[in-house]
Amino acid sequence: MQDWAYIGVTAWPDGVGVEARVRALMVSLGMDEFHASRWAVRAGPVIFARIEAALAGGVVRSLHAEGIPAVSPTGSQIRSSPAAWRVKRLTRAMGVSPAMYAAEMWGKEPTRGLKMGEVELMVVGRIERREQRSAMPAVGDGGGASVMMDGGAGLMALHASMEGPGAGASRTTTGSFGHVMDLYTREGERFRIDTDKFSFDVLGSERGYSDGENFSTLALRLAGEAPGALVDDGFARVGDIPGVRTDRSSSASRATVRRVDRMPAFEVYSPWVWRAERELSARARRAAGGG
């Protein structure tokens, strides 16, 4: 099976402006100026290309020569990254420092110990899921529009009818927002907290009314208990990842359904960041003479 490399940067280097980034992408990846500019203005992390893994080394070296510290985790590396253990509940061990939790898992996985002093990376992401239905209802249906939104619960619904030419066509959008956090340890483990599948009992009196609020509270607590960990919240900024499909459409009779799910992008992004940060750390050690 052909392997692909995902070329990008975790952060643009200081002193390398947008014009220099555009030039580097044009020279190293053969992008036209329009597309290079679109990637160059984005704040990192940025995954700006997917190419054959066999070609990645040359592209990365070319970007380095242009002052861009690019990384190129491959699909096979991403797939072989630590599997995500789905956490159902956390219970804090009392009187232990650094903090440690008993992580109860979903399924038949045994309870595991999560040592916050061993966490090296936290990747957090807001996951959008949305379904849009467009249809031509029976002749005679009236027009009009209505909107419902519930931001606290992360749910939204929209219905609109068209007037004028094509009157009677309707579009309904439903969706939800969830949050996911992956915690990577130095021992090569990955613990996943998903608001759709997690009990926030561990927050005690700090527990709020919405999953989004509770997720933020928990993330801040865990980050504070893992002072050696890098916290990455760049998924909201990364946008589309080349080669990763997050929307699908289907049609039947007079109806069209379009579904958007950002979770497949997070499944690539999270281990990509883990691989990228490890590669950058290894480069820093080599540069310092540490092997």
C-alpha atoms as a PDB file:
ATOM      1  CA  MET A   1       0.000   0.000   0.000  1.00  0.00           C
ATOM      2  CA  GLN A   2       1.313   3.419  -0.932  1.00  0.00           C
ATOM      3  CA  ASP A   3       2.403   5.539   2.011  1.00  0.00           C
ATOM      4  CA  TRP A   4       1.860   9.281   2.213  1.00  0.00           C
ATOM      5  CA  ALA A   5       3.677  11.976   4.152  1.00  0.00           C
ATOM      6  CA  TYR A   6       1.861  14.932   5.699  1.00  0.00           C
ATOM      7  CA  ILE A   7       4.140  17.954   5.338  1.00  0.00           C
ATOM      8  CA  GLY A   8       3.704  20.858   7.709  1.00  0.00           C
ATOM      9  CA  VAL A   9       4.984  22.958  10.581  1.00  0.00           C
ATOM     10  CA  THR A  10       3.932  23.040  14.219  1.00  0.00           C
ATOM     11  CA  ALA A  11       4.733  26.770  14.212  1.00  0.00           C
ATOM     12  CA  TRP A  12       6.214  29.230  11.728  1.00  0.00           C
ATOM     13  CA  PRO A  13       9.686  30.342  12.845  1.00  0.00           C
ATOM     14  CA  ASP A  14      10.215  33.858  14.147  1.00  0.00           C
ATOM     15  CA  GLY A  15      11.736  36.126  11.541  1.00  0.00           C
ATOM     16  CA  VAL A  16      10.270  34.251   8.559  1.00  0.00           C
ATOM     17  CA  GLY A  17       7.504  36.455   7.231  1.00  0.00           C
ATOM     18  CA  VAL A  18       4.606  35.634   4.951  1.00  0.00           C
ATOM     19  CA  GLU A  19       6.493  36.488   1.750  1.00  0.00           C
ATOM     20  CA  ALA A  20       9.338  34.138   2.697  1.00  0.00           C
ATOM     21  CA  ARG A  21       6.860  31.380   3.562  1.00  0.00           C
ATOM     22  CA  VAL A  22       5.123  31.782   0.209  1.00  0.00           C
ATOM     23  CA  ARG A  23       8.435  31.570  -1.628  1.00  0.00           C
ATOM     24  CA  ALA A  24       9.456  28.467   0.332  1.00  0.00           C
ATOM     25  CA  LEU A  25       6.204  26.654  -0.469  1.00  0.00           C
ATOM     26  CA  MET A  26       6.431  27.585  -4.139  1.00  0.00           C
ATOM     27  CA  VAL A  27      10.071  26.482  -4.431  1.00  0.00           C
ATOM     28  CA  SER A  28       9.865  23.293  -2.370  1.00  0.00           C
ATOM     29  CA  LEU A  29       6.387  22.006  -3.187  1.00  0.00           C
ATOM     30  CA  GLY A  30       5.682  23.606  -6.551  1.00  0.00           C
ATOM     31  CA  MET A  31       2.607  25.433  -5.272  1.00  0.00           C
ATOM     32  CA  ASP A  32       1.232  28.360  -7.207  1.00  0.00           C
ATOM     33  CA  GLU A  33       1.300  31.715  -5.448  1.00  0.00           C
ATOM     34  CA  PHE A  34      -2.419  31.713  -4.659  1.00  0.00           C
ATOM     35  CA  HIS A  35      -2.408  28.406  -2.775  1.00  0.00           C
ATOM     36  CA  ALA A  36       0.956  29.081  -1.138  1.00  0.00           C
ATOM     37  CA  SER A  37      -0.406  32.377   0.182  1.00  0.00           C
ATOM     38  CA  ARG A  38      -3.452  30.668   1.665  1.00  0.00           C
ATOM     39  CA  TRP A  39      -1.238  28.354   3.729  1.00  0.00           C
ATOM     40  CA  ALA A  40       1.397  30.968   4.556  1.00  0.00           C
ATOM     41  CA  VAL A  41      -0.976  33.317   6.375  1.00  0.00           C
ATOM     42  CA  ARG A  42      -2.338  30.643   8.699  1.00  0.00           C
ATOM     43  CA  ALA A  43      -1.082  30.438  12.252  1.00  0.00           C
ATOM     44  CA  GLY A  44       0.564  27.141  13.082  1.00  0.00           C
ATOM     45  CA  PRO A  45       0.175  24.266  13.270  1.00  0.00           C
ATOM     46  CA  VAL A  46      -0.291  23.939   9.514  1.00  0.00           C
ATOM     47  CA  ILE A  47      -0.395  20.746   7.441  1.00  0.00           C
ATOM     48  CA  PHE A  48      -0.055  22.139   3.956  1.00  0.00           C
ATOM     49  CA  ALA A  49       0.644  19.132   1.724  1.00  0.00           C
ATOM     50  CA  ARG A  50       0.286  15.376   1.393  1.00  0.00           C
ATOM     51  CA  ILE A  51       2.875  13.777  -0.880  1.00  0.00           C
ATOM     52  CA  GLU A  52       4.350  10.341  -1.532  1.00  0.00           C
ATOM     53  CA  ALA A  53       6.421   9.331   1.482  1.00  0.00           C
ATOM     54  CA  ALA A  54       9.390   8.492  -0.744  1.00  0.00           C
ATOM     55  CA  LEU A  55       9.598  12.144  -1.826  1.00  0.00           C
ATOM     56  CA  ALA A  56       9.193  13.689   1.620  1.00  0.00           C
ATOM     57  CA  GLY A  57      12.869  13.752   2.583  1.00  0.00           C
ATOM     58  CA  GLY A  58      13.851  15.950  -0.346  1.00  0.00           C
ATOM     59  CA  VAL A  59      10.943  18.328   0.208  1.00  0.00           C
ATOM     60  CA  VAL A  60      11.714  18.694   3.917  1.00  0.00           C
ATOM     61  CA  ARG A  61      15.384  19.401   3.181  1.00  0.00           C
ATOM     62  CA  SER A  62      14.368  22.034   0.635  1.00  0.00           C
ATOM     63  CA  LEU A  63      12.048  23.703   3.151  1.00  0.00           C
ATOM     64  CA  HIS A  64      14.804  23.646   5.767  1.00  0.00           C
ATOM     65  CA  ALA A  65      17.086  25.405   3.292  1.00  0.00           C
ATOM     66  CA  GLU A  66      14.401  28.098   3.001  1.00  0.00           C
ATOM     67  CA  GLY A  67      14.304  28.504   6.783  1.00  0.00           C
ATOM     68  CA  ILE A  68      11.139  26.457   7.386  1.00  0.00           C
ATOM     69  CA  PRO A  69      11.479  23.692  10.057  1.00  0.00           C
ATOM     70  CA  ALA A  70       9.035  21.359   8.321  1.00  0.00           C
ATOM     71  CA  VAL A  71       8.138  17.887   9.540  1.00  0.00           C
ATOM     72  CA  SER A  72       6.687  14.987   7.558  1.00  0.00           C
ATOM     73  CA  PRO A  73       4.992  12.261   9.630  1.00  0.00           C
ATOM     74  CA  THR A  74       3.716   9.535   7.331  1.00  0.00           C
ATOM     75  CA  GLY A  75       0.408   7.747   7.261  1.00  0.00           C
ATOM     76  CA  SER A  76       2.039   4.529   8.455  1.00  0.00           C
ATOM     77  CA  GLN A  77       3.626   6.378  11.384  1.00  0.00           C
ATOM     78  CA  ILE A  78       0.310   7.974  12.274  1.00  0.00           C
ATOM     79  CA  ARG A  79      -1.466   4.604  12.171  1.00  0.00           C
ATOM     80  CA  SER A  80       1.235   3.001  14.345  1.00  0.00           C
ATOM     81  CA  SER A  81       1.058   5.738  16.991  1.00  0.00           C
ATOM     82  CA  PRO A  82      -0.270   4.750  20.432  1.00  0.00           C
ATOM     83  CA  ALA A  83      -3.870   3.578  20.274  1.00  0.00           C
ATOM     84  CA  ALA A  84      -6.284   5.870  22.091  1.00  0.00           C
ATOM     85  CA  TRP A  85      -7.647   4.400  25.310  1.00  0.00           C
ATOM     86  CA  ARG A  86     -11.181   5.746  25.750  1.00  0.00           C
ATOM     87  CA  VAL A  87     -11.556   7.027  29.296  1.00  0.00           C
ATOM     88  CA  LYS A  88     -14.961   6.679  30.952  1.00  0.00           C
ATOM     89  CA  ARG A  89     -14.147   8.212  34.335  1.00  0.00           C
ATOM     90  CA  LEU A  90     -11.170   9.623  36.263  1.00  0.00           C
ATOM     91  CA  THR A  91     -10.668   9.177  39.999  1.00  0.00           C
ATOM     92  CA  ARG A  92      -7.895  11.194  41.629  1.00  0.00           C
ATOM     93  CA  ALA A  93      -5.503   9.461  43.998  1.00  0.00           C
ATOM     94  CA  MET A  94      -5.495  11.437  47.241  1.00  0.00           C
ATOM     95  CA  GLY A  95      -2.250  12.670  48.759  1.00  0.00           C
ATOM     96  CA  VAL A  96      -0.142  11.846  45.699  1.00  0.00           C
ATOM     97  CA  SER A  97       2.166  14.364  44.025  1.00  0.00           C
ATOM     98  CA  PRO A  98       2.512  14.772  41.090  1.00  0.00           C
ATOM     99  CA  ALA A  99      -1.184  14.087  40.566  1.00  0.00           C
ATOM    100  CA  MET A 100      -2.257  10.602  39.552  1.00  0.00           C
ATOM    101  CA  TYR A 101      -5.627   9.275  38.443  1.00  0.00           C
ATOM    102  CA  ALA A 102      -7.264   5.891  38.120  1.00  0.00           C
ATOM    103  CA  ALA A 103      -8.612   5.943  34.568  1.00  0.00           C
ATOM    104  CA  GLU A 104     -11.643   3.705  34.138  1.00  0.00           C
ATOM    105  CA  MET A 105     -11.980   2.648  30.504  1.00  0.00           C
ATOM    106  CA  TRP A 106     -14.856   1.815  28.228  1.00  0.00           C
ATOM    107  CA  GLY A 107     -15.238  -1.755  27.049  1.00  0.00           C
ATOM    108  CA  LYS A 108     -13.174  -4.537  28.533  1.00  0.00           C
ATOM    109  CA  GLU A 109     -10.002  -2.500  29.000  1.00  0.00           C
ATOM    110  CA  PRO A 110      -8.701  -2.613  32.582  1.00  0.00           C
ATOM    111  CA  THR A 111      -8.442   0.498  34.725  1.00  0.00           C
ATOM    112  CA  ARG A 112      -5.087   2.198  34.168  1.00  0.00           C
ATOM    113  CA  GLY A 113      -3.027   4.686  36.100  1.00  0.00           C
ATOM    114  CA  LEU A 114      -2.642   8.135  34.544  1.00  0.00           C
ATOM    115  CA  LYS A 115       0.433   9.812  36.028  1.00  0.00           C
ATOM    116  CA  MET A 116       0.286  13.510  35.218  1.00  0.00           C
ATOM    117  CA  GLY A 117       4.026  13.876  35.737  1.00  0.00           C
ATOM    118  CA  GLU A 118       4.509  11.491  32.792  1.00  0.00           C
ATOM    119  CA  VAL A 119       2.242  13.396  30.388  1.00  0.00           C
ATOM    120  CA  GLU A 120       4.332  15.044  27.666  1.00  0.00           C
ATOM    121  CA  LEU A 121       1.624  16.266  25.285  1.00  0.00           C
ATOM    122  CA  MET A 122      -2.040  17.236  25.494  1.00  0.00           C
ATOM    123  CA  VAL A 123      -3.917  17.688  22.211  1.00  0.00           C
ATOM    124  CA  VAL A 124      -7.374  19.245  22.502  1.00  0.00           C
ATOM    125  CA  GLY A 125      -9.915  19.738  19.747  1.00  0.00           C
ATOM    126  CA  ARG A 126     -13.469  20.925  19.152  1.00  0.00           C
ATOM    127  CA  ILE A 127     -15.289  18.434  16.946  1.00  0.00           C
ATOM    128  CA  GLU A 128     -18.082  19.607  14.667  1.00  0.00           C
ATOM    129  CA  ARG A 129     -20.662  17.178  13.317  1.00  0.00           C
ATOM    130  CA  ARG A 130     -23.339  18.511  10.996  1.00  0.00           C
ATOM    131  CA  GLU A 131     -25.984  17.152   8.634  1.00  0.00           C
ATOM    132  CA  GLN A 132     -27.691  19.267   5.981  1.00  0.00           C
ATOM    133  CA  ARG A 133     -30.764  18.036   4.115  1.00  0.00           C
ATOM    134  CA  SER A 134     -32.044  19.803   1.016  1.00  0.00           C
ATOM    135  CA  ALA A 135     -35.359  18.767  -0.493  1.00  0.00           C
ATOM    136  CA  MET A 136     -38.098  19.797  -2.919  1.00  0.00           C
ATOM    137  CA  PRO A 137     -41.322  19.281  -0.935  1.00  0.00           C
ATOM    138  CA  ALA A 138     -44.775  18.838  -2.416  1.00  0.00           C
ATOM    139  CA  VAL A 139     -46.232  21.736  -4.374  1.00  0.00           C
ATOM    140  CA  GLY A 140     -48.231  24.084  -2.177  1.00  0.00           C
ATOM    141  CA  ASP A 141     -45.946  24.102   0.881  1.00  0.00           C
ATOM    142  CA  GLY A 142     -45.600  27.601   2.261  1.00  0.00           C
ATOM    143  CA  GLY A 143     -42.471  29.647   2.661  1.00  0.00           C
ATOM    144  CA  GLY A 144     -40.956  31.085   5.771  1.00  0.00           C
ATOM    145  CA  ALA A 145     -37.981  30.383   7.958  1.00  0.00           C
ATOM    146  CA  SER A 146     -37.247  29.428  11.530  1.00  0.00           C
ATOM    147  CA  VAL A 147     -34.058  29.037  13.537  1.00  0.00           C
ATOM    148  CA  MET A 148     -33.266  27.198  16.776  1.00  0.00           C
ATOM    149  CA  MET A 149     -29.904  27.246  18.525  1.00  0.00           C
ATOM    150  CA  ASP A 150     -28.736  25.942  21.895  1.00  0.00           C
ATOM    151  CA  GLY A 151     -25.117  26.929  22.326  1.00  0.00           C
ATOM    152  CA  GLY A 152     -24.876  25.614  25.875  1.00  0.00           C
ATOM    153  CA  ALA A 153     -25.657  22.067  24.799  1.00  0.00           C
ATOM    154  CA  GLY A 154     -23.647  22.414  21.624  1.00  0.00           C
ATOM    155  CA  LEU A 155     -26.706  21.690  19.464  1.00  0.00           C
ATOM    156  CA  MET A 156     -28.043  23.649  16.549  1.00  0.00           C
ATOM    157  CA  ALA A 157     -30.911  23.331  14.106  1.00  0.00           C
ATOM    158  CA  LEU A 158     -31.836  25.490  11.141  1.00  0.00           C
ATOM    159  CA  HIS A 159     -34.747  25.285   8.727  1.00  0.00           C
ATOM    160  CA  ALA A 160     -35.230  27.664   5.835  1.00  0.00           C
ATOM    161  CA  SER A 161     -37.580  27.763   2.842  1.00  0.00           C
ATOM    162  CA  MET A 162     -36.831  29.589  -0.369  1.00  0.00           C
ATOM    163  CA  GLU A 163     -39.059  32.121  -2.082  1.00  0.00           C
ATOM    164  CA  GLY A 164     -39.088  33.213  -5.688  1.00  0.00           C
ATOM    165  CA  PRO A 165     -37.794  30.868  -8.416  1.00  0.00           C
ATOM    166  CA  GLY A 166     -37.485  27.427  -6.910  1.00  0.00           C
ATOM    167  CA  ALA A 167     -39.897  28.319  -4.108  1.00  0.00           C
ATOM    168  CA  GLY A 168     -40.729  25.340  -1.940  1.00  0.00           C
ATOM    169  CA  ALA A 169     -37.191  24.038  -1.737  1.00  0.00           C
ATOM    170  CA  SER A 170     -36.198  23.509   1.882  1.00  0.00           C
ATOM    171  CA  ARG A 171     -32.960  23.034   3.756  1.00  0.00           C
ATOM    172  CA  THR A 172     -32.589  21.666   7.261  1.00  0.00           C
ATOM    173  CA  THR A 173     -29.310  21.621   9.160  1.00  0.00           C
ATOM    174  CA  THR A 174     -28.736  19.773  12.415  1.00  0.00           C
ATOM    175  CA  GLY A 175     -25.466  19.413  14.205  1.00  0.00           C
ATOM    176  CA  SER A 176     -23.519  19.180  17.406  1.00  0.00           C
ATOM    177  CA  PHE A 177     -20.173  20.199  18.834  1.00  0.00           C
ATOM    178  CA  GLY A 178     -18.081  17.947  21.041  1.00  0.00           C
ATOM    179  CA  HIS A 179     -14.605  18.162  22.529  1.00  0.00           C
ATOM    180  CA  VAL A 180     -11.803  15.609  22.581  1.00  0.00           C
ATOM    181  CA  MET A 181      -8.534  15.576  24.518  1.00  0.00           C
ATOM    182  CA  ASP A 182      -5.642  13.162  23.930  1.00  0.00           C
ATOM    183  CA  LEU A 183      -3.007  12.860  26.661  1.00  0.00           C
ATOM    184  CA  TYR A 184       0.276  11.269  25.544  1.00  0.00           C
ATOM    185  CA  THR A 185       2.712   9.960  28.144  1.00  0.00           C
ATOM    186  CA  ARG A 186       6.458   9.419  27.949  1.00  0.00           C
ATOM    187  CA  GLU A 187       5.741   5.709  28.337  1.00  0.00           C
ATOM    188  CA  GLY A 188       4.013   5.668  24.947  1.00  0.00           C
ATOM    189  CA  GLU A 189       0.397   5.677  26.127  1.00  0.00           C
ATOM    190  CA  ARG A 190      -2.522   7.769  24.877  1.00  0.00           C
ATOM    191  CA  PHE A 191      -5.535   8.492  27.062  1.00  0.00           C
ATOM    192  CA  ARG A 192      -8.579   9.979  25.297  1.00  0.00           C
ATOM    193  CA  ILE A 193     -11.289  12.048  26.967  1.00  0.00           C
ATOM    194  CA  ASP A 194     -14.349  12.605  24.749  1.00  0.00           C
ATOM    195  CA  THR A 195     -17.212  14.755  26.046  1.00  0.00           C
ATOM    196  CA  ASP A 196     -19.699  12.369  24.409  1.00  0.00           C
ATOM    197  CA  LYS A 197     -18.375   9.443  26.454  1.00  0.00           C
ATOM    198  CA  PHE A 198     -16.986  10.834  29.712  1.00  0.00           C
ATOM    199  CA  SER A 199     -18.306  11.379  33.234  1.00  0.00           C
ATOM    200  CA  PHE A 200     -17.169  14.671  34.757  1.00  0.00           C
ATOM    201  CA  ASP A 201     -17.694  13.485  38.352  1.00  0.00           C
ATOM    202  CA  VAL A 202     -13.995  14.115  38.993  1.00  0.00           C
ATOM    203  CA  LEU A 203     -14.680  17.875  38.940  1.00  0.00           C
ATOM    204  CA  GLY A 204     -16.770  17.687  42.104  1.00  0.00           C
ATOM    205  CA  SER A 205     -18.097  21.128  43.062  1.00  0.00           C
ATOM    206  CA  GLU A 206     -16.451  22.653  39.964  1.00  0.00           C
ATOM    207  CA  ARG A 207     -18.754  20.712  37.676  1.00  0.00           C
ATOM    208  CA  GLY A 208     -20.844  23.013  35.502  1.00  0.00           C
ATOM    209  CA  TYR A 209     -24.008  22.700  33.446  1.00  0.00           C
ATOM    210  CA  SER A 210     -22.589  21.958  29.993  1.00  0.00           C
ATOM    211  CA  ASP A 211     -20.064  19.512  28.589  1.00  0.00           C
ATOM    212  CA  GLY A 212     -18.159  22.362  26.960  1.00  0.00           C
ATOM    213  CA  GLU A 213     -17.757  24.190  30.262  1.00  0.00           C
ATOM    214  CA  ASN A 214     -16.746  20.999  32.070  1.00  0.00           C
ATOM    215  CA  PHE A 215     -14.260  20.096  29.362  1.00  0.00           C
ATOM    216  CA  SER A 216     -12.539  23.484  29.668  1.00  0.00           C
ATOM    217  CA  THR A 217     -12.392  23.193  33.460  1.00  0.00           C
ATOM    218  CA  LEU A 218     -10.924  19.696  33.289  1.00  0.00           C
ATOM    219  CA  ALA A 219      -8.408  20.628  30.582  1.00  0.00           C
ATOM    220  CA  LEU A 220      -7.142  23.561  32.655  1.00  0.00           C
ATOM    221  CA  ARG A 221      -6.845  21.360  35.737  1.00  0.00           C
ATOM    222  CA  LEU A 222      -4.959  18.592  33.939  1.00  0.00           C
ATOM    223  CA  ALA A 223      -2.637  21.070  32.216  1.00  0.00           C
ATOM    224  CA  GLY A 224      -1.807  22.583  35.591  1.00  0.00           C
ATOM    225  CA  GLU A 225      -1.054  19.132  36.985  1.00  0.00           C
ATOM    226  CA  ALA A 226       1.276  18.315  34.074  1.00  0.00           C
ATOM    227  CA  PRO A 227       3.752  21.220  34.067  1.00  0.00           C
ATOM    228  CA  GLY A 228       6.109  19.409  31.712  1.00  0.00           C
ATOM    229  CA  ALA A 229       3.452  18.864  29.050  1.00  0.00           C
ATOM    230  CA  LEU A 230       3.001  20.796  25.833  1.00  0.00           C
ATOM    231  CA  VAL A 231      -0.649  21.759  25.340  1.00  0.00           C
ATOM    232  CA  ASP A 232      -1.706  21.912  21.693  1.00  0.00           C
ATOM    233  CA  ASP A 233      -5.009  23.588  20.848  1.00  0.00           C
ATOM    234  CA  GLY A 234      -4.268  24.155  17.170  1.00  0.00           C
ATOM    235  CA  PHE A 235      -6.926  21.837  15.754  1.00  0.00           C
ATOM    236  CA  ALA A 236      -9.394  24.713  15.620  1.00  0.00           C
ATOM    237  CA  ARG A 237      -6.975  26.599  13.348  1.00  0.00           C
ATOM    238  CA  VAL A 238      -5.599  23.808  11.186  1.00  0.00           C
ATOM    239  CA  GLY A 239      -8.575  23.752   8.810  1.00  0.00           C
ATOM    240  CA  ASP A 240      -8.698  21.086   6.126  1.00  0.00           C
ATOM    241  CA  ILE A 241      -5.974  18.441   6.153  1.00  0.00           C
ATOM    242  CA  PRO A 242      -4.916  17.400   2.637  1.00  0.00           C
ATOM    243  CA  GLY A 243      -6.197  13.940   1.794  1.00  0.00           C
ATOM    244  CA  VAL A 244      -8.571  13.710   4.779  1.00  0.00           C
ATOM    245  CA  ARG A 245     -12.251  13.713   3.902  1.00  0.00           C
ATOM    246  CA  THR A 246     -14.607  15.238   6.459  1.00  0.00           C
ATOM    247  CA  ASP A 247     -17.791  15.631   4.388  1.00  0.00           C
ATOM    248  CA  ARG A 248     -19.910  13.270   2.317  1.00  0.00           C
ATOM    249  CA  SER A 249     -22.999  13.796   0.192  1.00  0.00           C
ATOM    250  CA  SER A 250     -25.726  11.462  -0.999  1.00  0.00           C
ATOM    251  CA  SER A 251     -28.885  11.955  -3.047  1.00  0.00           C
ATOM    252  CA  ALA A 252     -32.166  10.104  -3.289  1.00  0.00           C
ATOM    253  CA  SER A 253     -35.295  11.159  -5.154  1.00  0.00           C
ATOM    254  CA  ARG A 254     -35.576  14.932  -4.616  1.00  0.00           C
ATOM    255  CA  ALA A 255     -33.481  15.049  -1.434  1.00  0.00           C
ATOM    256  CA  THR A 256     -29.748  15.634  -0.944  1.00  0.00           C
ATOM    257  CA  VAL A 257     -27.937  14.951   2.314  1.00  0.00           C
ATOM    258  CA  ARG A 258     -24.527  16.384   3.177  1.00  0.00           C
ATOM    259  CA  ARG A 259     -22.769  15.174   6.320  1.00  0.00           C
ATOM    260  CA  VAL A 260     -19.755  16.863   7.920  1.00  0.00           C
ATOM    261  CA  ASP A 261     -17.723  15.157  10.646  1.00  0.00           C
ATOM    262  CA  ARG A 262     -14.403  16.648  11.796  1.00  0.00           C
ATOM    263  CA  MET A 263     -13.416  13.584  13.826  1.00  0.00           C
ATOM    264  CA  PRO A 264     -11.474  11.915  10.957  1.00  0.00           C
ATOM    265  CA  ALA A 265      -9.327  15.060  10.752  1.00  0.00           C
ATOM    266  CA  PHE A 266      -8.611  14.930  14.498  1.00  0.00           C
ATOM    267  CA  GLU A 267      -7.659  11.243  14.179  1.00  0.00           C
ATOM    268  CA  VAL A 268      -4.869  12.362  11.834  1.00  0.00           C
ATOM    269  CA  TYR A 269      -4.026  15.658  13.520  1.00  0.00           C
ATOM    270  CA  SER A 270      -3.484  14.360  17.052  1.00  0.00           C
ATOM    271  CA  PRO A 271      -0.862  11.667  16.275  1.00  0.00           C
ATOM    272  CA  TRP A 272       0.651  13.974  13.626  1.00  0.00           C
ATOM    273  CA  VAL A 273       1.374  16.528  16.348  1.00  0.00           C
ATOM    274  CA  TRP A 274       2.767  13.805  18.628  1.00  0.00           C
ATOM    275  CA  ARG A 275       5.097  12.535  15.884  1.00  0.00           C
ATOM    276  CA  ALA A 276       6.068  16.069  14.866  1.00  0.00           C
ATOM    277  CA  GLU A 277       6.954  17.169  18.397  1.00  0.00           C
ATOM    278  CA  ARG A 278       9.058  14.049  18.933  1.00  0.00           C
ATOM    279  CA  GLU A 279      10.910  14.705  15.684  1.00  0.00           C
ATOM    280  CA  LEU A 280      11.553  18.330  16.632  1.00  0.00           C
ATOM    281  CA  SER A 281      12.815  17.259  20.069  1.00  0.00           C
ATOM    282  CA  ALA A 282      15.178  14.750  18.447  1.00  0.00           C
ATOM    283  CA  ARG A 283      16.503  17.455  16.112  1.00  0.00           C
ATOM    284  CA  ALA A 284      17.112  19.762  19.066  1.00  0.00           C
ATOM    285  CA  ARG A 285      19.050  17.043  20.887  1.00  0.00           C
ATOM    286  CA  ARG A 286      21.165  16.338  17.811  1.00  0.00           C
ATOM    287  CA  ALA A 287      21.869  20.049  17.372  1.00  0.00           C
ATOM    288  CA  ALA A 288      22.974  20.221  21.002  1.00  0.00           C
ATOM    289  CA  GLY A 289      25.235  17.201  20.537  1.00  0.00           C
ATOM    290  CA  GLY A 290      23.048  14.923  22.593  1.00  0.00           C
ATOM    291  CA  GLY A 291      22.548  12.280  19.904  1.00  0.00           C
END
